[in-house]
Amino acid sequence: MKHDQKQTIYWSVLEFEDWNLHLAATANGLCYVGSANKPYEEMEEWVRKHFKAFNLLRDDKALMPYKEELAAFLAGKLVRFSMPCDLLGTAFQQSVWEALCKIPYGETCTYSDIADLIGKPAAVRAVGTAIGANPVLMTVPCHRVIGKNGTLTGFRGGLDMKTRLLALEKNALVSLTQEAGCHV
């Protein structure tokens, strides 16, 4: 799905520990979170694919609220995003991404689980393709989807990034539970 009107797409880079993540947003919300340490061109290619006419404008100030939430998530201090997103995709992709947002923080599910959740149990491959097209890594938590046998499978950001995100959530849950005076 392509936007036809010329739009300004604001972008910036989130630097967190050893990761640099390109972010992009429209006036309606965050529309893209790049893979760790990938070049500007990855984001530019995605924008070109989804917008017929656009102006890419670096604006660190406009992207600051998104950068702050993502940094808090990566630091293990945020379990639910509140930022607006402008998700560009087909109706099927949108339904898959909505289902991904229902996976609880620190938990995982399978591609089959997502297919069942959207009422299309035979569409496991199509679900995988829609998950792979997720434009906002972490914000729509596609990293929480694993293979039916429990193995880590494809992730646009790479399996190292997926492994790190899952470990981050697991460790943050332990810390948050301990801070609340609970024992795991």
C-alpha atoms as a PDB file:
ATOM      1  CA  MET A   1       0.000   0.000   0.000  1.00  0.00           C
ATOM      2  CA  LYS A   2       1.489   3.331  -1.081  1.00  0.00           C
ATOM      3  CA  HIS A   3       0.577   6.828   0.000  1.00  0.00           C
ATOM      4  CA  ASP A   4       0.034   8.973  -3.115  1.00  0.00           C
ATOM      5  CA  GLN A   5       0.294  12.491  -1.661  1.00  0.00           C
ATOM      6  CA  LYS A   6       3.730  13.978  -1.058  1.00  0.00           C
ATOM      7  CA  GLN A   7       4.486  13.640   2.609  1.00  0.00           C
ATOM      8  CA  THR A   8       7.275  14.756   4.830  1.00  0.00           C
ATOM      9  CA  ILE A   9       8.810  11.792   6.593  1.00  0.00           C
ATOM     10  CA  TYR A  10      10.839  12.803   9.620  1.00  0.00           C
ATOM     11  CA  TRP A  11      13.737  10.627  10.663  1.00  0.00           C
ATOM     12  CA  SER A  12      16.424  10.300  13.272  1.00  0.00           C
ATOM     13  CA  VAL A  13      18.796   7.745  14.766  1.00  0.00           C
ATOM     14  CA  LEU A  14      18.391   6.210  18.193  1.00  0.00           C
ATOM     15  CA  GLU A  15      21.764   5.392  19.686  1.00  0.00           C
ATOM     16  CA  PHE A  16      21.436   2.882  22.501  1.00  0.00           C
ATOM     17  CA  GLU A  17      24.473   1.059  23.838  1.00  0.00           C
ATOM     18  CA  ASP A  18      26.016  -0.639  20.794  1.00  0.00           C
ATOM     19  CA  TRP A  19      22.918  -0.241  18.587  1.00  0.00           C
ATOM     20  CA  ASN A  20      22.048   2.499  16.119  1.00  0.00           C
ATOM     21  CA  LEU A  21      18.437   2.329  14.938  1.00  0.00           C
ATOM     22  CA  HIS A  22      17.000   4.525  12.195  1.00  0.00           C
ATOM     23  CA  LEU A  23      13.495   5.756  13.010  1.00  0.00           C
ATOM     24  CA  ALA A  24      10.962   7.454  10.756  1.00  0.00           C
ATOM     25  CA  ALA A  25       7.617   9.086  11.477  1.00  0.00           C
ATOM     26  CA  THR A  26       4.840  10.821   9.612  1.00  0.00           C
ATOM     27  CA  ALA A  27       2.680  13.517  11.163  1.00  0.00           C
ATOM     28  CA  ASN A  28       0.449  10.630  12.332  1.00  0.00           C
ATOM     29  CA  GLY A  29       3.069   8.639  14.209  1.00  0.00           C
ATOM     30  CA  LEU A  30       6.041   6.313  14.079  1.00  0.00           C
ATOM     31  CA  CYS A  31       6.085   4.447  10.769  1.00  0.00           C
ATOM     32  CA  TYR A  32       9.474   2.730  10.756  1.00  0.00           C
ATOM     33  CA  VAL A  33      12.036   1.293  13.162  1.00  0.00           C
ATOM     34  CA  GLY A  34      15.118  -0.091  11.466  1.00  0.00           C
ATOM     35  CA  SER A  35      17.273  -3.068  12.257  1.00  0.00           C
ATOM     36  CA  ALA A  36      20.218  -2.574  14.592  1.00  0.00           C
ATOM     37  CA  ASN A  37      23.245  -0.959  12.956  1.00  0.00           C
ATOM     38  CA  LYS A  38      21.825  -0.996   9.435  1.00  0.00           C
ATOM     39  CA  PRO A  39      22.561   1.964   7.176  1.00  0.00           C
ATOM     40  CA  TYR A  40      20.322   4.909   6.345  1.00  0.00           C
ATOM     41  CA  GLU A  41      19.646   3.272   2.970  1.00  0.00           C
ATOM     42  CA  GLU A  42      17.594   0.491   4.617  1.00  0.00           C
ATOM     43  CA  MET A  43      15.151   3.107   5.904  1.00  0.00           C
ATOM     44  CA  GLU A  44      15.234   5.108   2.678  1.00  0.00           C
ATOM     45  CA  GLU A  45      14.392   1.985   0.660  1.00  0.00           C
ATOM     46  CA  TRP A  46      11.441   1.210   2.940  1.00  0.00           C
ATOM     47  CA  VAL A  47      10.130   4.789   2.622  1.00  0.00           C
ATOM     48  CA  ARG A  48      10.526   4.702  -1.161  1.00  0.00           C
ATOM     49  CA  LYS A  49       8.512   1.460  -1.289  1.00  0.00           C
ATOM     50  CA  HIS A  50       5.629   2.848   0.802  1.00  0.00           C
ATOM     51  CA  PHE A  51       5.370   6.487  -0.290  1.00  0.00           C
ATOM     52  CA  LYS A  52       4.937   7.555  -3.905  1.00  0.00           C
ATOM     53  CA  ALA A  53       6.108  11.088  -3.170  1.00  0.00           C
ATOM     54  CA  PHE A  54       8.024  12.028  -0.048  1.00  0.00           C
ATOM     55  CA  ASN A  55      10.533  14.349   1.495  1.00  0.00           C
ATOM     56  CA  LEU A  56      12.875  12.734   4.026  1.00  0.00           C
ATOM     57  CA  LEU A  57      13.825  15.291   6.645  1.00  0.00           C
ATOM     58  CA  ARG A  58      16.096  14.639   9.597  1.00  0.00           C
ATOM     59  CA  ASP A  59      14.434  16.073  12.697  1.00  0.00           C
ATOM     60  CA  ASP A  60      15.911  14.804  15.951  1.00  0.00           C
ATOM     61  CA  LYS A  61      13.570  16.980  18.012  1.00  0.00           C
ATOM     62  CA  ALA A  62      10.391  15.679  16.355  1.00  0.00           C
ATOM     63  CA  LEU A  63      11.540  12.079  16.858  1.00  0.00           C
ATOM     64  CA  MET A  64      12.631  12.609  20.483  1.00  0.00           C
ATOM     65  CA  PRO A  65       9.411  11.219  22.073  1.00  0.00           C
ATOM     66  CA  TYR A  66       9.782   8.025  20.012  1.00  0.00           C
ATOM     67  CA  LYS A  67      13.475   7.756  20.815  1.00  0.00           C
ATOM     68  CA  GLU A  68      12.772   8.189  24.535  1.00  0.00           C
ATOM     69  CA  GLU A  69      10.133   5.434  24.615  1.00  0.00           C
ATOM     70  CA  LEU A  70      12.254   3.019  22.609  1.00  0.00           C
ATOM     71  CA  ALA A  71      15.301   3.750  24.798  1.00  0.00           C
ATOM     72  CA  ALA A  72      13.207   3.114  27.923  1.00  0.00           C
ATOM     73  CA  PHE A  73      12.053  -0.187  26.416  1.00  0.00           C
ATOM     74  CA  LEU A  74      15.612  -1.190  25.569  1.00  0.00           C
ATOM     75  CA  ALA A  75      16.706  -0.284  29.097  1.00  0.00           C
ATOM     76  CA  GLY A  76      14.047  -2.636  30.504  1.00  0.00           C
ATOM     77  CA  LYS A  77      12.047   0.221  32.053  1.00  0.00           C
ATOM     78  CA  LEU A  78       9.028   0.190  29.698  1.00  0.00           C
ATOM     79  CA  VAL A  79       6.759  -2.774  29.006  1.00  0.00           C
ATOM     80  CA  ARG A  80       4.015  -1.079  26.943  1.00  0.00           C
ATOM     81  CA  PHE A  81       4.367   1.618  24.319  1.00  0.00           C
ATOM     82  CA  SER A  82       2.039   4.621  24.284  1.00  0.00           C
ATOM     83  CA  MET A  83       3.398   6.349  21.176  1.00  0.00           C
ATOM     84  CA  PRO A  84       1.193   6.734  18.108  1.00  0.00           C
ATOM     85  CA  CYS A  85       2.108   4.600  15.118  1.00  0.00           C
ATOM     86  CA  ASP A  86       1.276   5.062  11.455  1.00  0.00           C
ATOM     87  CA  LEU A  87       1.366   1.472  10.240  1.00  0.00           C
ATOM     88  CA  LEU A  88       1.319   1.095   6.476  1.00  0.00           C
ATOM     89  CA  GLY A  89       0.158  -2.290   5.268  1.00  0.00           C
ATOM     90  CA  THR A  90      -2.662  -4.361   3.859  1.00  0.00           C
ATOM     91  CA  ALA A  91      -5.731  -5.252   5.912  1.00  0.00           C
ATOM     92  CA  PHE A  92      -4.284  -8.738   6.466  1.00  0.00           C
ATOM     93  CA  GLN A  93      -0.937  -7.333   7.621  1.00  0.00           C
ATOM     94  CA  GLN A  94      -2.740  -4.926   9.936  1.00  0.00           C
ATOM     95  CA  SER A  95      -4.680  -7.819  11.511  1.00  0.00           C
ATOM     96  CA  VAL A  96      -1.450  -9.754  12.082  1.00  0.00           C
ATOM     97  CA  TRP A  97       0.309  -6.732  13.588  1.00  0.00           C
ATOM     98  CA  GLU A  98      -2.662  -6.098  15.856  1.00  0.00           C
ATOM     99  CA  ALA A  99      -2.458  -9.713  17.044  1.00  0.00           C
ATOM    100  CA  LEU A 100       1.276  -9.320  17.723  1.00  0.00           C
ATOM    101  CA  CYS A 101       0.489  -6.452  20.071  1.00  0.00           C
ATOM    102  CA  LYS A 102      -1.563  -8.863  22.191  1.00  0.00           C
ATOM    103  CA  ILE A 103       1.456 -11.032  23.039  1.00  0.00           C
ATOM    104  CA  PRO A 104       2.289 -10.192  26.664  1.00  0.00           C
ATOM    105  CA  TYR A 105       5.659  -8.632  27.451  1.00  0.00           C
ATOM    106  CA  GLY A 106       8.218 -11.319  28.212  1.00  0.00           C
ATOM    107  CA  GLU A 107       6.209 -14.111  26.575  1.00  0.00           C
ATOM    108  CA  THR A 108       6.365 -15.786  23.192  1.00  0.00           C
ATOM    109  CA  CYS A 109       3.935 -17.496  20.848  1.00  0.00           C
ATOM    110  CA  THR A 110       4.136 -19.300  17.537  1.00  0.00           C
ATOM    111  CA  TYR A 111       3.190 -18.346  13.999  1.00  0.00           C
ATOM    112  CA  SER A 112       0.351 -20.874  14.292  1.00  0.00           C
ATOM    113  CA  ASP A 113      -0.895 -19.108  17.431  1.00  0.00           C
ATOM    114  CA  ILE A 114      -1.063 -15.814  15.520  1.00  0.00           C
ATOM    115  CA  ALA A 115      -2.851 -17.480  12.579  1.00  0.00           C
ATOM    116  CA  ASP A 116      -5.403 -18.914  15.034  1.00  0.00           C
ATOM    117  CA  LEU A 117      -5.777 -15.576  16.800  1.00  0.00           C
ATOM    118  CA  ILE A 118      -6.723 -13.794  13.566  1.00  0.00           C
ATOM    119  CA  GLY A 119      -9.139 -16.602  12.612  1.00  0.00           C
ATOM    120  CA  LYS A 120      -7.067 -17.931   9.712  1.00  0.00           C
ATOM    121  CA  PRO A 121      -5.450 -21.137  11.011  1.00  0.00           C
ATOM    122  CA  ALA A 122      -4.374 -22.281   7.534  1.00  0.00           C
ATOM    123  CA  ALA A 123      -2.564 -19.015   6.787  1.00  0.00           C
ATOM    124  CA  VAL A 124       0.600 -19.706   8.791  1.00  0.00           C
ATOM    125  CA  ARG A 125       2.965 -18.860   5.894  1.00  0.00           C
ATOM    126  CA  ALA A 126       1.067 -15.673   5.083  1.00  0.00           C
ATOM    127  CA  VAL A 127       1.245 -14.748   8.770  1.00  0.00           C
ATOM    128  CA  GLY A 128       5.017 -15.244   8.640  1.00  0.00           C
ATOM    129  CA  THR A 129       5.251 -12.980   5.611  1.00  0.00           C
ATOM    130  CA  ALA A 130       3.142 -10.296   7.324  1.00  0.00           C
ATOM    131  CA  ILE A 131       5.292 -10.519  10.441  1.00  0.00           C
ATOM    132  CA  GLY A 132       8.393 -10.094   8.272  1.00  0.00           C
ATOM    133  CA  ALA A 133       6.873  -6.912   6.821  1.00  0.00           C
ATOM    134  CA  ASN A 134       6.356  -5.334  10.258  1.00  0.00           C
ATOM    135  CA  PRO A 135       7.733  -1.802   9.837  1.00  0.00           C
ATOM    136  CA  VAL A 136       8.138  -0.935  13.513  1.00  0.00           C
ATOM    137  CA  LEU A 137      10.386  -3.448  15.233  1.00  0.00           C
ATOM    138  CA  MET A 138       9.882  -3.743  18.988  1.00  0.00           C
ATOM    139  CA  THR A 139       6.866  -1.405  18.966  1.00  0.00           C
ATOM    140  CA  VAL A 140       4.869  -4.152  17.271  1.00  0.00           C
ATOM    141  CA  PRO A 141       6.610  -7.040  19.043  1.00  0.00           C
ATOM    142  CA  CYS A 142       7.306  -9.478  16.218  1.00  0.00           C
ATOM    143  CA  HIS A 143      10.406 -10.598  18.118  1.00  0.00           C
ATOM    144  CA  ARG A 144       8.065 -12.511  20.460  1.00  0.00           C
ATOM    145  CA  VAL A 145       7.096 -14.991  17.724  1.00  0.00           C
ATOM    146  CA  ILE A 146       9.020 -18.267  17.632  1.00  0.00           C
ATOM    147  CA  GLY A 147       8.843 -21.510  15.681  1.00  0.00           C
ATOM    148  CA  LYS A 148       6.382 -24.236  16.617  1.00  0.00           C
ATOM    149  CA  ASN A 149       9.242 -26.343  18.008  1.00  0.00           C
ATOM    150  CA  GLY A 150      10.392 -23.470  20.243  1.00  0.00           C
ATOM    151  CA  THR A 151      13.321 -22.365  18.096  1.00  0.00           C
ATOM    152  CA  LEU A 152      14.057 -18.792  17.139  1.00  0.00           C
ATOM    153  CA  THR A 153      13.170 -18.176  13.523  1.00  0.00           C
ATOM    154  CA  GLY A 154      13.474 -15.307  11.069  1.00  0.00           C
ATOM    155  CA  PHE A 155      13.454 -11.713  12.193  1.00  0.00           C
ATOM    156  CA  ARG A 156      14.021  -8.636  10.019  1.00  0.00           C
ATOM    157  CA  GLY A 157      16.530  -7.349  12.569  1.00  0.00           C
ATOM    158  CA  GLY A 158      18.431 -10.656  12.601  1.00  0.00           C
ATOM    159  CA  LEU A 159      18.467 -13.483  15.123  1.00  0.00           C
ATOM    160  CA  ASP A 160      21.085 -11.759  17.312  1.00  0.00           C
ATOM    161  CA  MET A 161      18.750  -8.790  17.765  1.00  0.00           C
ATOM    162  CA  LYS A 162      15.781 -11.112  18.412  1.00  0.00           C
ATOM    163  CA  THR A 163      17.738 -13.086  21.012  1.00  0.00           C
ATOM    164  CA  ARG A 164      18.803  -9.893  22.756  1.00  0.00           C
ATOM    165  CA  LEU A 165      15.254  -8.474  22.826  1.00  0.00           C
ATOM    166  CA  LEU A 166      13.800 -11.680  24.279  1.00  0.00           C
ATOM    167  CA  ALA A 167      16.535 -11.813  26.931  1.00  0.00           C
ATOM    168  CA  LEU A 168      15.982  -8.137  27.734  1.00  0.00           C
ATOM    169  CA  GLU A 169      12.269  -8.747  28.351  1.00  0.00           C
ATOM    170  CA  LYS A 170      12.908 -11.844  30.462  1.00  0.00           C
ATOM    171  CA  ASN A 171      15.507 -10.038  32.597  1.00  0.00           C
ATOM    172  CA  ALA A 172      13.343  -6.925  32.928  1.00  0.00           C
ATOM    173  CA  LEU A 173      10.401  -9.016  34.143  1.00  0.00           C
ATOM    174  CA  VAL A 174      12.599 -10.569  36.835  1.00  0.00           C
ATOM    175  CA  SER A 175      13.816  -7.102  37.912  1.00  0.00           C
ATOM    176  CA  LEU A 176      10.324  -5.588  37.881  1.00  0.00           C
ATOM    177  CA  THR A 177       8.957  -8.521  39.885  1.00  0.00           C
ATOM    178  CA  GLN A 178      11.737  -8.186  42.473  1.00  0.00           C
ATOM    179  CA  GLU A 179      11.166  -4.425  42.751  1.00  0.00           C
ATOM    180  CA  ALA A 180       7.501  -5.118  43.465  1.00  0.00           C
ATOM    181  CA  GLY A 181       8.514  -7.400  46.329  1.00  0.00           C
ATOM    182  CA  CYS A 182       7.514 -10.605  44.560  1.00  0.00           C
ATOM    183  CA  HIS A 183       9.647 -13.709  44.277  1.00  0.00           C
ATOM    184  CA  VAL A 184       9.951 -15.580  41.010  1.00  0.00           C
END
